[in-house]
Amino acid sequence: MKIIDAQVHIWSQTVIPPGGGHRQVSKYTAEELLAEMKEAGVDAASIHPPMSWDPDANAVAIEAAKKYPDRFVIMGQFPLENPDNVRLIPDWKKQPGMKGLRWAVLYGEQPQAIKDGKYDWVWPAAEKAGVPVSLQAGVFLKKFRWIAENHPGLTLIIDHCGRDPFARDDAAFENLDELLSLAKLPNVAVKATGAPAYSTKGYPFKNIHDPLHRIFDAFGPKRYFWGTDFTRLECSYRQCVTFFTEELPWLKGKDLEYVMGRGLTEWIGWDYTF
């Protein structure tokens, strides 16, 4: 079975220290990532450029995708604060390895700005251009629903299980029912990235098995993508893999194959050979 990580980061500099609990290192290269992927048994990955601390992260990701085209694709980004960037969207996927757009929308005024509609110029342009968009929508699920309902042709992904990134254990899943209701929208998928970060109990994180199962049941194997964001996790990269492949008895067979990579490739149009 091929294993594809739905979210990893690489960077060449730290203009500001890496946020979100990520490794406090000045750079993290594609080669370092590939070495850790090999050790963990991960075949390929989707790079999410961390422009919040490395303004050149898009270019770094593109170089990695050019050098290792069978290992990496990219969900890139540009500054949301400049509406003139709408001009970038029609040709966005012509860049090497680029499959879509992704924003955390967690910094400064961004969480309120997206709720206020200041970024609403993005969604129709991405919908028209066929560019998938991934968002860390756990803190603005109502706005995310509005985006999905008003742009039904836009391929959307909710990052990190749709959770509040700052909560843990039961508190992290307080809005789970609101997330599950979004499964009725056929243009919405969920990345189960960063799941271990929502438990304080240690591997195999038994206290979050049930909510992960409920999300899987709602979205199904073709709209539920394993991934890690592992440079901010306390467990090992290999444990991120075995958490899903060995510790969740309800996830097996063809369903496991889709969750561990095939589903992501189909959703974002990644022509990956399984």
C-alpha atoms as a PDB file:
ATOM      1  CA  MET A   1       0.000   0.000   0.000  1.00  0.00           C
ATOM      2  CA  LYS A   2       1.313   3.423  -0.931  1.00  0.00           C
ATOM      3  CA  ILE A   3       1.271   6.005   1.866  1.00  0.00           C
ATOM      4  CA  ILE A   4       0.954   9.691   1.025  1.00  0.00           C
ATOM      5  CA  ASP A   5       1.155  12.452   3.611  1.00  0.00           C
ATOM      6  CA  ALA A   6      -1.478  15.133   3.013  1.00  0.00           C
ATOM      7  CA  GLN A   7       0.513  17.888   4.759  1.00  0.00           C
ATOM      8  CA  VAL A   8       4.207  18.510   5.291  1.00  0.00           C
ATOM      9  CA  HIS A   9       6.351  21.651   5.406  1.00  0.00           C
ATOM     10  CA  ILE A  10       9.842  22.508   4.191  1.00  0.00           C
ATOM     11  CA  TRP A  11      11.565  25.883   4.515  1.00  0.00           C
ATOM     12  CA  SER A  12      14.810  27.662   3.697  1.00  0.00           C
ATOM     13  CA  GLN A  13      14.806  30.408   6.335  1.00  0.00           C
ATOM     14  CA  THR A  14      12.948  31.707   9.361  1.00  0.00           C
ATOM     15  CA  VAL A  15      12.222  35.410   9.014  1.00  0.00           C
ATOM     16  CA  ILE A  16      10.253  34.924  12.207  1.00  0.00           C
ATOM     17  CA  PRO A  17      10.383  31.768  14.392  1.00  0.00           C
ATOM     18  CA  PRO A  18       8.216  28.934  13.065  1.00  0.00           C
ATOM     19  CA  GLY A  19       4.752  29.163  14.596  1.00  0.00           C
ATOM     20  CA  GLY A  20       2.225  26.578  15.686  1.00  0.00           C
ATOM     21  CA  GLY A  21       4.766  24.594  17.682  1.00  0.00           C
ATOM     22  CA  HIS A  22       6.823  23.619  14.632  1.00  0.00           C
ATOM     23  CA  ARG A  23      10.474  22.708  14.985  1.00  0.00           C
ATOM     24  CA  GLN A  24      12.537  25.736  15.871  1.00  0.00           C
ATOM     25  CA  VAL A  25      15.168  25.209  13.196  1.00  0.00           C
ATOM     26  CA  SER A  26      16.419  27.761  10.696  1.00  0.00           C
ATOM     27  CA  LYS A  27      15.673  25.531   7.707  1.00  0.00           C
ATOM     28  CA  TYR A  28      14.238  22.128   6.894  1.00  0.00           C
ATOM     29  CA  THR A  29      15.107  20.794   3.457  1.00  0.00           C
ATOM     30  CA  ALA A  30      13.418  18.445   1.008  1.00  0.00           C
ATOM     31  CA  GLU A  31      16.280  16.001   1.513  1.00  0.00           C
ATOM     32  CA  GLU A  32      15.807  16.014   5.290  1.00  0.00           C
ATOM     33  CA  LEU A  33      12.101  15.436   4.768  1.00  0.00           C
ATOM     34  CA  LEU A  34      12.716  12.564   2.340  1.00  0.00           C
ATOM     35  CA  ALA A  35      15.031  10.880   4.842  1.00  0.00           C
ATOM     36  CA  GLU A  36      12.350  11.030   7.540  1.00  0.00           C
ATOM     37  CA  MET A  37       9.698   9.855   5.073  1.00  0.00           C
ATOM     38  CA  LYS A  38      11.840   6.816   4.250  1.00  0.00           C
ATOM     39  CA  GLU A  39      12.255   5.964   7.922  1.00  0.00           C
ATOM     40  CA  ALA A  40       8.506   6.309   8.531  1.00  0.00           C
ATOM     41  CA  GLY A  41       7.481   4.359   5.418  1.00  0.00           C
ATOM     42  CA  VAL A  42       5.879   7.325   3.626  1.00  0.00           C
ATOM     43  CA  ASP A  43       6.068   7.297  -0.170  1.00  0.00           C
ATOM     44  CA  ALA A  44       5.040  10.820  -1.164  1.00  0.00           C
ATOM     45  CA  ALA A  45       3.692  14.033   0.311  1.00  0.00           C
ATOM     46  CA  SER A  46       1.831  17.264  -0.321  1.00  0.00           C
ATOM     47  CA  ILE A  47       3.964  20.261   0.626  1.00  0.00           C
ATOM     48  CA  HIS A  48       2.226  23.231   2.246  1.00  0.00           C
ATOM     49  CA  PRO A  49       4.634  26.194   2.029  1.00  0.00           C
ATOM     50  CA  PRO A  50       4.904  27.921   5.449  1.00  0.00           C
ATOM     51  CA  MET A  51       5.010  31.501   4.206  1.00  0.00           C
ATOM     52  CA  SER A  52       4.202  32.824   7.669  1.00  0.00           C
ATOM     53  CA  TRP A  53       7.871  32.295   8.572  1.00  0.00           C
ATOM     54  CA  ASP A  54       9.545  31.778   5.182  1.00  0.00           C
ATOM     55  CA  PRO A  55       8.365  34.225   2.492  1.00  0.00           C
ATOM     56  CA  ASP A  56      10.228  32.158  -0.126  1.00  0.00           C
ATOM     57  CA  ALA A  57       8.481  28.909   0.843  1.00  0.00           C
ATOM     58  CA  ASN A  58       6.502  28.647  -2.409  1.00  0.00           C
ATOM     59  CA  ALA A  59       9.690  28.791  -4.464  1.00  0.00           C
ATOM     60  CA  VAL A  60      11.368  26.261  -2.152  1.00  0.00           C
ATOM     61  CA  ALA A  61       8.450  23.870  -2.637  1.00  0.00           C
ATOM     62  CA  ILE A  62       8.490  24.297  -6.411  1.00  0.00           C
ATOM     63  CA  GLU A  63      12.186  23.446  -6.535  1.00  0.00           C
ATOM     64  CA  ALA A  64      11.520  20.312  -4.477  1.00  0.00           C
ATOM     65  CA  ALA A  65       8.672  19.269  -6.779  1.00  0.00           C
ATOM     66  CA  LYS A  66      10.877  19.822  -9.831  1.00  0.00           C
ATOM     67  CA  LYS A  67      13.718  17.806  -8.323  1.00  0.00           C
ATOM     68  CA  TYR A  68      11.500  15.013  -6.953  1.00  0.00           C
ATOM     69  CA  PRO A  69       8.382  15.015  -9.165  1.00  0.00           C
ATOM     70  CA  ASP A  70       7.364  11.498  -8.108  1.00  0.00           C
ATOM     71  CA  ARG A  71       7.506  12.398  -4.407  1.00  0.00           C
ATOM     72  CA  PHE A  72       6.005  15.863  -3.978  1.00  0.00           C
ATOM     73  CA  VAL A  73       3.131  18.070  -5.001  1.00  0.00           C
ATOM     74  CA  ILE A  74       2.228  21.466  -3.558  1.00  0.00           C
ATOM     75  CA  MET A  75      -0.769  23.251  -2.094  1.00  0.00           C
ATOM     76  CA  GLY A  76       0.700  26.743  -2.325  1.00  0.00           C
ATOM     77  CA  GLN A  77      -0.403  30.207  -1.309  1.00  0.00           C
ATOM     78  CA  PHE A  78      -0.122  33.941  -1.872  1.00  0.00           C
ATOM     79  CA  PRO A  79      -0.996  36.838   0.461  1.00  0.00           C
ATOM     80  CA  LEU A  80      -4.750  36.994   0.956  1.00  0.00           C
ATOM     81  CA  GLU A  81      -4.563  40.648   1.930  1.00  0.00           C
ATOM     82  CA  ASN A  82      -3.943  41.766  -1.675  1.00  0.00           C
ATOM     83  CA  PRO A  83      -6.991  41.277  -3.955  1.00  0.00           C
ATOM     84  CA  ASP A  84      -4.772  41.955  -6.970  1.00  0.00           C
ATOM     85  CA  ASN A  85      -3.446  38.427  -6.454  1.00  0.00           C
ATOM     86  CA  VAL A  86      -6.622  37.147  -8.077  1.00  0.00           C
ATOM     87  CA  ARG A  87      -4.665  37.448 -11.333  1.00  0.00           C
ATOM     88  CA  LEU A  88      -2.478  34.529 -10.181  1.00  0.00           C
ATOM     89  CA  ILE A  89      -5.289  32.007  -9.906  1.00  0.00           C
ATOM     90  CA  PRO A  90      -6.078  31.181 -13.582  1.00  0.00           C
ATOM     91  CA  ASP A  91      -2.518  29.929 -14.220  1.00  0.00           C
ATOM     92  CA  TRP A  92      -1.782  28.726 -10.682  1.00  0.00           C
ATOM     93  CA  LYS A  93      -1.604  25.023 -11.537  1.00  0.00           C
ATOM     94  CA  LYS A  94       0.831  25.643 -14.411  1.00  0.00           C
ATOM     95  CA  GLN A  95       3.616  25.912 -11.846  1.00  0.00           C
ATOM     96  CA  PRO A  96       5.641  22.701 -11.341  1.00  0.00           C
ATOM     97  CA  GLY A  97       3.955  20.414  -8.828  1.00  0.00           C
ATOM     98  CA  MET A  98       1.231  22.907  -7.929  1.00  0.00           C
ATOM     99  CA  LYS A  99      -2.169  21.304  -7.295  1.00  0.00           C
ATOM    100  CA  GLY A 100      -4.041  23.938  -5.311  1.00  0.00           C
ATOM    101  CA  LEU A 101      -4.112  26.658  -2.686  1.00  0.00           C
ATOM    102  CA  ARG A 102      -3.925  26.431   1.079  1.00  0.00           C
ATOM    103  CA  TRP A 103      -4.160  28.966   3.888  1.00  0.00           C
ATOM    104  CA  ALA A 104      -4.209  28.476   7.649  1.00  0.00           C
ATOM    105  CA  VAL A 105      -6.034  31.828   8.106  1.00  0.00           C
ATOM    106  CA  LEU A 106      -4.860  32.010  11.720  1.00  0.00           C
ATOM    107  CA  TYR A 107      -2.632  35.072  11.777  1.00  0.00           C
ATOM    108  CA  GLY A 108      -3.342  38.638  12.846  1.00  0.00           C
ATOM    109  CA  GLU A 109      -6.657  39.867  11.476  1.00  0.00           C
ATOM    110  CA  GLN A 110      -7.137  36.902   9.139  1.00  0.00           C
ATOM    111  CA  PRO A 111      -9.688  34.920  11.220  1.00  0.00           C
ATOM    112  CA  GLN A 112     -12.020  37.915  11.416  1.00  0.00           C
ATOM    113  CA  ALA A 113     -11.276  39.060   7.875  1.00  0.00           C
ATOM    114  CA  ILE A 114     -12.417  35.790   6.346  1.00  0.00           C
ATOM    115  CA  LYS A 115     -15.635  35.886   8.384  1.00  0.00           C
ATOM    116  CA  ASP A 116     -16.216  39.463   7.210  1.00  0.00           C
ATOM    117  CA  GLY A 117     -15.896  38.410   3.565  1.00  0.00           C
ATOM    118  CA  LYS A 118     -12.675  40.293   2.822  1.00  0.00           C
ATOM    119  CA  TYR A 119     -11.279  37.273   0.973  1.00  0.00           C
ATOM    120  CA  ASP A 120     -14.430  36.456  -0.980  1.00  0.00           C
ATOM    121  CA  TRP A 121     -12.679  37.367  -4.226  1.00  0.00           C
ATOM    122  CA  VAL A 122     -10.714  34.097  -3.975  1.00  0.00           C
ATOM    123  CA  TRP A 123     -13.527  31.540  -4.069  1.00  0.00           C
ATOM    124  CA  PRO A 124     -15.201  32.319  -7.429  1.00  0.00           C
ATOM    125  CA  ALA A 125     -11.830  32.669  -9.143  1.00  0.00           C
ATOM    126  CA  ALA A 126     -10.593  29.329  -7.788  1.00  0.00           C
ATOM    127  CA  GLU A 127     -13.896  27.695  -8.662  1.00  0.00           C
ATOM    128  CA  LYS A 128     -13.705  28.961 -12.247  1.00  0.00           C
ATOM    129  CA  ALA A 129     -10.062  27.889 -12.631  1.00  0.00           C
ATOM    130  CA  GLY A 130     -10.590  24.450 -11.076  1.00  0.00           C
ATOM    131  CA  VAL A 131      -8.082  25.096  -8.299  1.00  0.00           C
ATOM    132  CA  PRO A 132      -8.712  23.135  -5.055  1.00  0.00           C
ATOM    133  CA  VAL A 133      -8.571  25.164  -1.829  1.00  0.00           C
ATOM    134  CA  SER A 134      -7.626  23.865   1.618  1.00  0.00           C
ATOM    135  CA  LEU A 135      -8.368  25.900   4.754  1.00  0.00           C
ATOM    136  CA  GLN A 136      -7.809  25.465   8.478  1.00  0.00           C
ATOM    137  CA  ALA A 137     -11.484  26.127   8.973  1.00  0.00           C
ATOM    138  CA  GLY A 138     -12.009  24.826  12.506  1.00  0.00           C
ATOM    139  CA  VAL A 139     -12.418  28.357  13.848  1.00  0.00           C
ATOM    140  CA  PHE A 140     -14.729  29.546  11.048  1.00  0.00           C
ATOM    141  CA  LEU A 141     -16.899  26.574  10.079  1.00  0.00           C
ATOM    142  CA  LYS A 142     -19.974  28.752   9.479  1.00  0.00           C
ATOM    143  CA  LYS A 143     -18.079  30.841   6.943  1.00  0.00           C
ATOM    144  CA  PHE A 144     -16.644  27.685   5.416  1.00  0.00           C
ATOM    145  CA  ARG A 145     -20.171  26.344   4.924  1.00  0.00           C
ATOM    146  CA  TRP A 146     -21.097  29.590   3.192  1.00  0.00           C
ATOM    147  CA  ILE A 147     -18.125  29.232   0.841  1.00  0.00           C
ATOM    148  CA  ALA A 148     -18.948  25.612   0.021  1.00  0.00           C
ATOM    149  CA  GLU A 149     -22.661  26.244  -0.530  1.00  0.00           C
ATOM    150  CA  ASN A 150     -22.170  29.348  -2.648  1.00  0.00           C
ATOM    151  CA  HIS A 151     -19.425  27.790  -4.763  1.00  0.00           C
ATOM    152  CA  PRO A 152     -20.511  24.184  -5.322  1.00  0.00           C
ATOM    153  CA  GLY A 153     -17.973  23.717  -8.116  1.00  0.00           C
ATOM    154  CA  LEU A 154     -15.064  24.583  -5.829  1.00  0.00           C
ATOM    155  CA  THR A 155     -13.096  21.602  -4.513  1.00  0.00           C
ATOM    156  CA  LEU A 156     -12.566  22.232  -0.799  1.00  0.00           C
ATOM    157  CA  ILE A 157     -10.604  20.612   2.037  1.00  0.00           C
ATOM    158  CA  ILE A 158     -10.872  21.278   5.763  1.00  0.00           C
ATOM    159  CA  ASP A 159      -7.494  20.984   7.496  1.00  0.00           C
ATOM    160  CA  HIS A 160      -6.682  19.242  10.770  1.00  0.00           C
ATOM    161  CA  CYS A 161     -10.003  17.452  11.348  1.00  0.00           C
ATOM    162  CA  GLY A 162     -11.793  20.803  11.453  1.00  0.00           C
ATOM    163  CA  ARG A 163     -10.580  21.323  15.002  1.00  0.00           C
ATOM    164  CA  ASP A 164      -9.691  24.375  17.014  1.00  0.00           C
ATOM    165  CA  PRO A 165      -5.877  24.270  16.755  1.00  0.00           C
ATOM    166  CA  PHE A 166      -5.452  25.479  20.318  1.00  0.00           C
ATOM    167  CA  ALA A 167      -7.689  22.931  22.104  1.00  0.00           C
ATOM    168  CA  ARG A 168      -6.997  19.402  23.326  1.00  0.00           C
ATOM    169  CA  ASP A 169      -8.911  16.255  24.305  1.00  0.00           C
ATOM    170  CA  ASP A 170     -12.709  16.697  24.691  1.00  0.00           C
ATOM    171  CA  ALA A 171     -12.458  20.471  24.260  1.00  0.00           C
ATOM    172  CA  ALA A 172     -10.947  20.025  20.804  1.00  0.00           C
ATOM    173  CA  PHE A 173     -14.069  18.274  19.538  1.00  0.00           C
ATOM    174  CA  GLU A 174     -16.775  20.506  20.988  1.00  0.00           C
ATOM    175  CA  ASN A 175     -17.940  21.596  17.514  1.00  0.00           C
ATOM    176  CA  LEU A 176     -17.741  18.111  16.003  1.00  0.00           C
ATOM    177  CA  ASP A 177     -21.426  17.978  15.068  1.00  0.00           C
ATOM    178  CA  GLU A 178     -21.055  21.203  13.089  1.00  0.00           C
ATOM    179  CA  LEU A 179     -18.159  19.673  11.174  1.00  0.00           C
ATOM    180  CA  LEU A 180     -20.053  16.434  10.516  1.00  0.00           C
ATOM    181  CA  SER A 181     -22.968  18.367   9.047  1.00  0.00           C
ATOM    182  CA  LEU A 182     -20.639  19.613   6.297  1.00  0.00           C
ATOM    183  CA  ALA A 183     -20.281  16.056   4.997  1.00  0.00           C
ATOM    184  CA  LYS A 184     -23.607  16.535   3.200  1.00  0.00           C
ATOM    185  CA  LEU A 185     -21.845  18.967   0.852  1.00  0.00           C
ATOM    186  CA  PRO A 186     -20.218  16.878  -1.915  1.00  0.00           C
ATOM    187  CA  ASN A 187     -17.456  19.411  -2.621  1.00  0.00           C
ATOM    188  CA  VAL A 188     -16.031  19.193   0.928  1.00  0.00           C
ATOM    189  CA  ALA A 189     -13.361  16.782   2.210  1.00  0.00           C
ATOM    190  CA  VAL A 190     -11.410  16.597   5.489  1.00  0.00           C
ATOM    191  CA  LYS A 191      -7.715  16.125   6.192  1.00  0.00           C
ATOM    192  CA  ALA A 192      -7.077  14.147   9.368  1.00  0.00           C
ATOM    193  CA  THR A 193      -3.749  15.936   9.660  1.00  0.00           C
ATOM    194  CA  GLY A 194      -2.244  16.750  13.025  1.00  0.00           C
ATOM    195  CA  ALA A 195      -4.642  14.395  14.810  1.00  0.00           C
ATOM    196  CA  PRO A 196      -2.167  13.360  17.556  1.00  0.00           C
ATOM    197  CA  ALA A 197      -1.875  17.007  18.604  1.00  0.00           C
ATOM    198  CA  TYR A 198      -5.483  16.926  19.848  1.00  0.00           C
ATOM    199  CA  SER A 199      -4.754  14.315  22.515  1.00  0.00           C
ATOM    200  CA  THR A 200      -2.716  14.682  25.698  1.00  0.00           C
ATOM    201  CA  LYS A 201      -2.852  10.943  26.394  1.00  0.00           C
ATOM    202  CA  GLY A 202       0.075   9.734  24.312  1.00  0.00           C
ATOM    203  CA  TYR A 203       0.288   7.084  21.629  1.00  0.00           C
ATOM    204  CA  PRO A 204      -2.047   5.481  20.484  1.00  0.00           C
ATOM    205  CA  PHE A 205      -4.231   8.462  21.491  1.00  0.00           C
ATOM    206  CA  LYS A 206      -7.226   6.320  22.425  1.00  0.00           C
ATOM    207  CA  ASN A 207      -9.323   9.249  23.635  1.00  0.00           C
ATOM    208  CA  ILE A 208      -9.655  10.620  20.092  1.00  0.00           C
ATOM    209  CA  HIS A 209     -10.402   7.327  18.303  1.00  0.00           C
ATOM    210  CA  ASP A 210     -14.153   7.828  18.547  1.00  0.00           C
ATOM    211  CA  PRO A 211     -14.301  11.357  17.063  1.00  0.00           C
ATOM    212  CA  LEU A 212     -11.923  10.287  14.271  1.00  0.00           C
ATOM    213  CA  HIS A 213     -14.245   7.354  13.574  1.00  0.00           C
ATOM    214  CA  ARG A 214     -17.271   9.653  13.487  1.00  0.00           C
ATOM    215  CA  ILE A 215     -15.581  11.960  10.984  1.00  0.00           C
ATOM    216  CA  PHE A 216     -14.688   8.962   8.827  1.00  0.00           C
ATOM    217  CA  ASP A 217     -18.251   7.644   8.954  1.00  0.00           C
ATOM    218  CA  ALA A 218     -19.631  11.029   7.893  1.00  0.00           C
ATOM    219  CA  PHE A 219     -17.240  11.797   5.036  1.00  0.00           C
ATOM    220  CA  GLY A 220     -16.310   8.292   3.909  1.00  0.00           C
ATOM    221  CA  PRO A 221     -12.904   6.982   2.812  1.00  0.00           C
ATOM    222  CA  LYS A 222     -12.712   9.034  -0.389  1.00  0.00           C
ATOM    223  CA  ARG A 223     -13.116  12.374   1.442  1.00  0.00           C
ATOM    224  CA  TYR A 224     -10.999  11.667   4.542  1.00  0.00           C
ATOM    225  CA  PHE A 225      -7.243  12.059   4.108  1.00  0.00           C
ATOM    226  CA  TRP A 226      -4.464  10.912   6.416  1.00  0.00           C
ATOM    227  CA  GLY A 227      -1.564  13.289   6.929  1.00  0.00           C
ATOM    228  CA  THR A 228       0.685  14.578   9.652  1.00  0.00           C
ATOM    229  CA  ASP A 229       2.027  18.122   9.798  1.00  0.00           C
ATOM    230  CA  PHE A 230       4.590  16.103  11.741  1.00  0.00           C
ATOM    231  CA  THR A 231       7.176  18.864  12.289  1.00  0.00           C
ATOM    232  CA  ARG A 232       4.926  20.135  15.080  1.00  0.00           C
ATOM    233  CA  LEU A 233       4.008  16.800  16.686  1.00  0.00           C
ATOM    234  CA  GLU A 234       5.533  15.210  19.778  1.00  0.00           C
ATOM    235  CA  CYS A 235       5.130  11.635  18.562  1.00  0.00           C
ATOM    236  CA  SER A 236       7.412  10.123  15.916  1.00  0.00           C
ATOM    237  CA  TYR A 237       6.648  10.262  12.206  1.00  0.00           C
ATOM    238  CA  ARG A 238       6.361   6.471  12.156  1.00  0.00           C
ATOM    239  CA  GLN A 239       3.810   6.598  14.982  1.00  0.00           C
ATOM    240  CA  CYS A 240       1.747   9.009  12.882  1.00  0.00           C
ATOM    241  CA  VAL A 241       1.562   6.251  10.275  1.00  0.00           C
ATOM    242  CA  THR A 242       0.886   3.296  12.570  1.00  0.00           C
ATOM    243  CA  PHE A 243      -1.733   5.273  14.493  1.00  0.00           C
ATOM    244  CA  PHE A 244      -3.932   4.906  11.403  1.00  0.00           C
ATOM    245  CA  THR A 245      -2.620   1.675   9.875  1.00  0.00           C
ATOM    246  CA  GLU A 246      -2.498  -0.402  13.085  1.00  0.00           C
ATOM    247  CA  GLU A 247      -4.485   1.223  15.887  1.00  0.00           C
ATOM    248  CA  LEU A 248      -7.882   1.962  14.308  1.00  0.00           C
ATOM    249  CA  PRO A 249      -9.695  -1.397  13.897  1.00  0.00           C
ATOM    250  CA  TRP A 250     -12.485   0.151  11.825  1.00  0.00           C
ATOM    251  CA  LEU A 251     -10.017   1.300   9.160  1.00  0.00           C
ATOM    252  CA  LYS A 252      -8.865  -1.519   6.896  1.00  0.00           C
ATOM    253  CA  GLY A 253      -8.800  -2.888   3.360  1.00  0.00           C
ATOM    254  CA  LYS A 254      -9.752  -0.587   0.512  1.00  0.00           C
ATOM    255  CA  ASP A 255     -10.909   2.080   2.952  1.00  0.00           C
ATOM    256  CA  LEU A 256      -7.435   2.218   4.487  1.00  0.00           C
ATOM    257  CA  GLU A 257      -5.849   2.521   1.054  1.00  0.00           C
ATOM    258  CA  TYR A 258      -8.037   5.528   0.223  1.00  0.00           C
ATOM    259  CA  VAL A 259      -7.471   7.238   3.563  1.00  0.00           C
ATOM    260  CA  MET A 260      -3.697   6.733   3.428  1.00  0.00           C
ATOM    261  CA  GLY A 261      -3.275   8.380   0.039  1.00  0.00           C
ATOM    262  CA  ARG A 262      -5.446   7.343  -2.881  1.00  0.00           C
ATOM    263  CA  GLY A 263      -8.331   9.577  -1.825  1.00  0.00           C
ATOM    264  CA  LEU A 264      -6.138  12.683  -1.658  1.00  0.00           C
ATOM    265  CA  THR A 265      -4.665  12.084  -5.095  1.00  0.00           C
ATOM    266  CA  GLU A 266      -8.102  11.751  -6.667  1.00  0.00           C
ATOM    267  CA  TRP A 267      -9.478  14.797  -4.846  1.00  0.00           C
ATOM    268  CA  ILE A 268      -6.750  17.233  -5.936  1.00  0.00           C
ATOM    269  CA  GLY A 269      -6.058  15.723  -9.351  1.00  0.00           C
ATOM    270  CA  TRP A 270      -2.647  14.253  -8.559  1.00  0.00           C
ATOM    271  CA  ASP A 271      -1.799  11.668 -11.223  1.00  0.00           C
ATOM    272  CA  TYR A 272       0.042   9.343  -8.872  1.00  0.00           C
ATOM    273  CA  THR A 273       0.932   5.762  -9.810  1.00  0.00           C
ATOM    274  CA  PHE A 274      -0.261   3.258  -7.207  1.00  0.00           C
END
